[in-house]
Amino acid sequence: MSSQITMEQTPLNSLDRCDRCGAQAYVRAILLSGGQLLFCAHHAKAYAQGLKPVVATIQDESENLVAKAAK
């Protein structure tokens, strides 16, 4: 019998920071290994191709940047 860990996808908030630069994270990459990486929109784009083989799910909330700019 195998056990599988499922991480609940909660909305990202201002406390979630990019693992690369520390800016506010708008993208969460859930890894096949069960971990997660957080990225700002810039670094999510920069690492998108390299992440594809190791990512199970990507939670992209970068549309919130447009919503913030419109206010």
N, C-alpha and C. Protein backbone atom coordinates (compact mmCIF):
# COMPACT_ATOMS: atom_id res chain seq x y z
N MET A 1 0.84 -1.18 0.00
CA MET A 1 0.00 0.00 0.00
C MET A 1 0.88 1.24 0.00
N SER A 2 0.57 2.19 -0.88
CA SER A 2 1.38 3.41 -0.95
C SER A 2 0.60 4.57 -0.36
N SER A 3 1.32 5.48 0.25
CA SER A 3 0.67 6.68 0.78
C SER A 3 1.07 7.85 -0.09
N GLN A 4 0.11 8.73 -0.30
CA GLN A 4 0.36 9.90 -1.13
C GLN A 4 0.04 11.15 -0.32
N ILE A 5 0.95 12.10 -0.35
CA ILE A 5 0.74 13.35 0.36
C ILE A 5 0.16 14.35 -0.63
N THR A 6 -0.96 14.94 -0.26
CA THR A 6 -1.59 15.95 -1.10
C THR A 6 -1.55 17.27 -0.37
N MET A 7 -1.00 18.28 -1.02
CA MET A 7 -0.94 19.60 -0.43
C MET A 7 -2.15 20.40 -0.89
N GLU A 8 -2.87 20.96 0.04
CA GLU A 8 -4.02 21.78 -0.29
C GLU A 8 -3.54 23.09 -0.90
N GLN A 9 -4.17 23.49 -1.99
CA GLN A 9 -3.79 24.74 -2.63
C GLN A 9 -4.59 25.89 -2.03
N THR A 10 -3.95 26.60 -1.13
CA THR A 10 -4.57 27.77 -0.54
C THR A 10 -4.12 28.99 -1.34
N PRO A 11 -4.93 30.03 -1.36
CA PRO A 11 -4.52 31.24 -2.10
C PRO A 11 -3.20 31.79 -1.56
N LEU A 12 -2.38 32.29 -2.44
CA LEU A 12 -1.13 32.92 -2.04
C LEU A 12 -1.44 34.29 -1.46
N ASN A 13 -0.65 34.72 -0.49
CA ASN A 13 -0.86 36.04 0.10
C ASN A 13 0.46 36.78 0.21
N SER A 14 0.44 37.96 0.78
CA SER A 14 1.64 38.80 0.84
C SER A 14 2.75 38.22 1.71
N LEU A 15 2.45 37.23 2.52
CA LEU A 15 3.49 36.59 3.33
C LEU A 15 4.25 35.52 2.55
N ASP A 16 3.70 35.07 1.42
CA ASP A 16 4.37 34.08 0.58
C ASP A 16 5.40 34.80 -0.28
N ARG A 17 6.65 34.36 -0.19
CA ARG A 17 7.75 35.06 -0.84
C ARG A 17 8.44 34.15 -1.85
N CYS A 18 8.95 34.75 -2.91
CA CYS A 18 9.68 34.03 -3.95
C CYS A 18 10.92 33.37 -3.35
N ASP A 19 11.11 32.09 -3.65
CA ASP A 19 12.28 31.37 -3.13
C ASP A 19 13.57 31.85 -3.77
N ARG A 20 13.49 32.56 -4.87
CA ARG A 20 14.69 33.01 -5.57
C ARG A 20 15.12 34.41 -5.11
N CYS A 21 14.15 35.36 -5.03
CA CYS A 21 14.54 36.74 -4.76
C CYS A 21 13.86 37.37 -3.55
N GLY A 22 12.85 36.74 -2.99
CA GLY A 22 12.17 37.27 -1.81
C GLY A 22 11.01 38.20 -2.11
N ALA A 23 10.71 38.47 -3.38
CA ALA A 23 9.55 39.29 -3.73
C ALA A 23 8.27 38.50 -3.44
N GLN A 24 7.13 39.17 -3.50
CA GLN A 24 5.87 38.48 -3.26
C GLN A 24 5.67 37.38 -4.30
N ALA A 25 5.30 36.21 -3.82
CA ALA A 25 5.10 35.05 -4.71
C ALA A 25 3.69 35.08 -5.30
N TYR A 26 3.62 34.82 -6.60
CA TYR A 26 2.35 34.71 -7.31
C TYR A 26 2.19 33.35 -7.96
N VAL A 27 3.21 32.50 -7.85
CA VAL A 27 3.17 31.17 -8.46
C VAL A 27 3.68 30.15 -7.46
N ARG A 28 2.92 29.05 -7.30
CA ARG A 28 3.34 27.94 -6.45
C ARG A 28 3.51 26.73 -7.35
N ALA A 29 4.68 26.11 -7.29
CA ALA A 29 4.96 24.89 -8.05
C ALA A 29 4.99 23.73 -7.06
N ILE A 30 4.04 22.81 -7.20
CA ILE A 30 4.00 21.61 -6.36
C ILE A 30 4.83 20.54 -7.07
N LEU A 31 5.88 20.09 -6.43
CA LEU A 31 6.81 19.15 -7.04
C LEU A 31 6.30 17.71 -6.96
N LEU A 32 6.72 16.88 -7.88
CA LEU A 32 6.37 15.46 -7.86
C LEU A 32 6.85 14.80 -6.58
N SER A 33 7.93 15.31 -6.02
CA SER A 33 8.49 14.76 -4.78
C SER A 33 7.67 15.14 -3.55
N GLY A 34 6.70 16.05 -3.72
CA GLY A 34 5.84 16.44 -2.61
C GLY A 34 6.14 17.81 -2.04
N GLY A 35 7.26 18.39 -2.38
CA GLY A 35 7.59 19.72 -1.88
C GLY A 35 6.95 20.80 -2.73
N GLN A 36 7.28 22.03 -2.43
CA GLN A 36 6.77 23.14 -3.21
C GLN A 36 7.83 24.21 -3.35
N LEU A 37 7.71 24.98 -4.42
CA LEU A 37 8.55 26.15 -4.64
C LEU A 37 7.64 27.33 -4.90
N LEU A 38 8.00 28.49 -4.39
CA LEU A 38 7.24 29.71 -4.61
C LEU A 38 8.07 30.66 -5.46
N PHE A 39 7.40 31.32 -6.42
CA PHE A 39 8.11 32.24 -7.31
C PHE A 39 7.31 33.51 -7.53
N CYS A 40 8.02 34.62 -7.70
CA CYS A 40 7.39 35.83 -8.21
C CYS A 40 7.08 35.55 -9.69
N ALA A 41 6.30 36.40 -10.32
CA ALA A 41 5.92 36.17 -11.72
C ALA A 41 7.16 36.12 -12.62
N HIS A 42 8.12 36.98 -12.36
CA HIS A 42 9.35 37.04 -13.17
C HIS A 42 10.12 35.73 -13.12
N HIS A 43 10.38 35.22 -11.94
CA HIS A 43 11.15 33.99 -11.82
C HIS A 43 10.35 32.76 -12.23
N ALA A 44 9.04 32.80 -12.10
CA ALA A 44 8.22 31.69 -12.60
C ALA A 44 8.40 31.54 -14.11
N LYS A 45 8.41 32.67 -14.82
CA LYS A 45 8.64 32.63 -16.27
C LYS A 45 10.06 32.15 -16.58
N ALA A 46 11.02 32.64 -15.82
CA ALA A 46 12.42 32.30 -16.08
C ALA A 46 12.70 30.81 -15.91
N TYR A 47 12.04 30.17 -14.95
CA TYR A 47 12.31 28.76 -14.64
C TYR A 47 11.25 27.79 -15.17
N ALA A 48 10.27 28.28 -15.91
CA ALA A 48 9.15 27.45 -16.37
C ALA A 48 9.59 26.20 -17.12
N GLN A 49 10.48 26.32 -18.06
CA GLN A 49 10.92 25.17 -18.85
C GLN A 49 11.65 24.13 -18.01
N GLY A 50 12.50 24.57 -17.12
CA GLY A 50 13.25 23.66 -16.27
C GLY A 50 12.40 22.94 -15.24
N LEU A 51 11.29 23.56 -14.85
CA LEU A 51 10.42 22.95 -13.84
C LEU A 51 9.49 21.88 -14.40
N LYS A 52 9.17 21.96 -15.69
CA LYS A 52 8.19 21.04 -16.28
C LYS A 52 8.42 19.57 -15.94
N PRO A 53 9.63 19.05 -15.99
CA PRO A 53 9.82 17.62 -15.70
C PRO A 53 9.62 17.23 -14.23
N VAL A 54 9.67 18.18 -13.32
CA VAL A 54 9.62 17.84 -11.89
C VAL A 54 8.39 18.36 -11.17
N VAL A 55 7.47 19.01 -11.90
CA VAL A 55 6.32 19.64 -11.28
C VAL A 55 5.05 18.83 -11.52
N ALA A 56 4.28 18.64 -10.45
CA ALA A 56 2.99 17.96 -10.56
C ALA A 56 1.89 18.97 -10.89
N THR A 57 1.92 20.13 -10.24
CA THR A 57 0.89 21.16 -10.40
C THR A 57 1.52 22.54 -10.27
N ILE A 58 0.99 23.48 -11.03
CA ILE A 58 1.41 24.87 -10.90
C ILE A 58 0.17 25.71 -10.58
N GLN A 59 0.24 26.45 -9.49
CA GLN A 59 -0.82 27.36 -9.09
C GLN A 59 -0.35 28.76 -9.46
N ASP A 60 -0.94 29.32 -10.51
CA ASP A 60 -0.51 30.62 -11.03
C ASP A 60 -1.56 31.67 -10.69
N GLU A 61 -1.20 32.61 -9.85
CA GLU A 61 -2.08 33.70 -9.46
C GLU A 61 -1.54 35.04 -9.94
N SER A 62 -0.72 35.00 -11.01
CA SER A 62 -0.10 36.23 -11.51
C SER A 62 -1.11 37.21 -12.09
N GLU A 63 -2.34 36.77 -12.37
CA GLU A 63 -3.37 37.70 -12.84
C GLU A 63 -3.70 38.73 -11.76
N ASN A 64 -3.37 38.43 -10.52
CA ASN A 64 -3.58 39.39 -9.43
C ASN A 64 -2.71 40.63 -9.58
N LEU A 65 -1.60 40.51 -10.30
CA LEU A 65 -0.75 41.68 -10.56
C LEU A 65 -1.50 42.69 -11.41
N VAL A 66 -2.24 42.24 -12.40
CA VAL A 66 -3.01 43.11 -13.27
C VAL A 66 -4.14 43.76 -12.47
N ALA A 67 -4.79 42.98 -11.61
CA ALA A 67 -5.87 43.49 -10.78
C ALA A 67 -5.37 44.58 -9.84
N LYS A 68 -4.18 44.41 -9.29
CA LYS A 68 -3.62 45.41 -8.38
C LYS A 68 -3.26 46.69 -9.13
N ALA A 69 -2.74 46.53 -10.36
CA ALA A 69 -2.34 47.69 -11.15
C ALA A 69 -3.56 48.51 -11.59
N ALA A 70 -4.69 47.86 -11.78
CA ALA A 70 -5.90 48.54 -12.24
C ALA A 70 -6.56 49.36 -11.14
N LYS A 71 -6.24 49.09 -9.89
CA LYS A 71 -6.87 49.82 -8.77
C LYS A 71 -6.31 51.20 -8.61
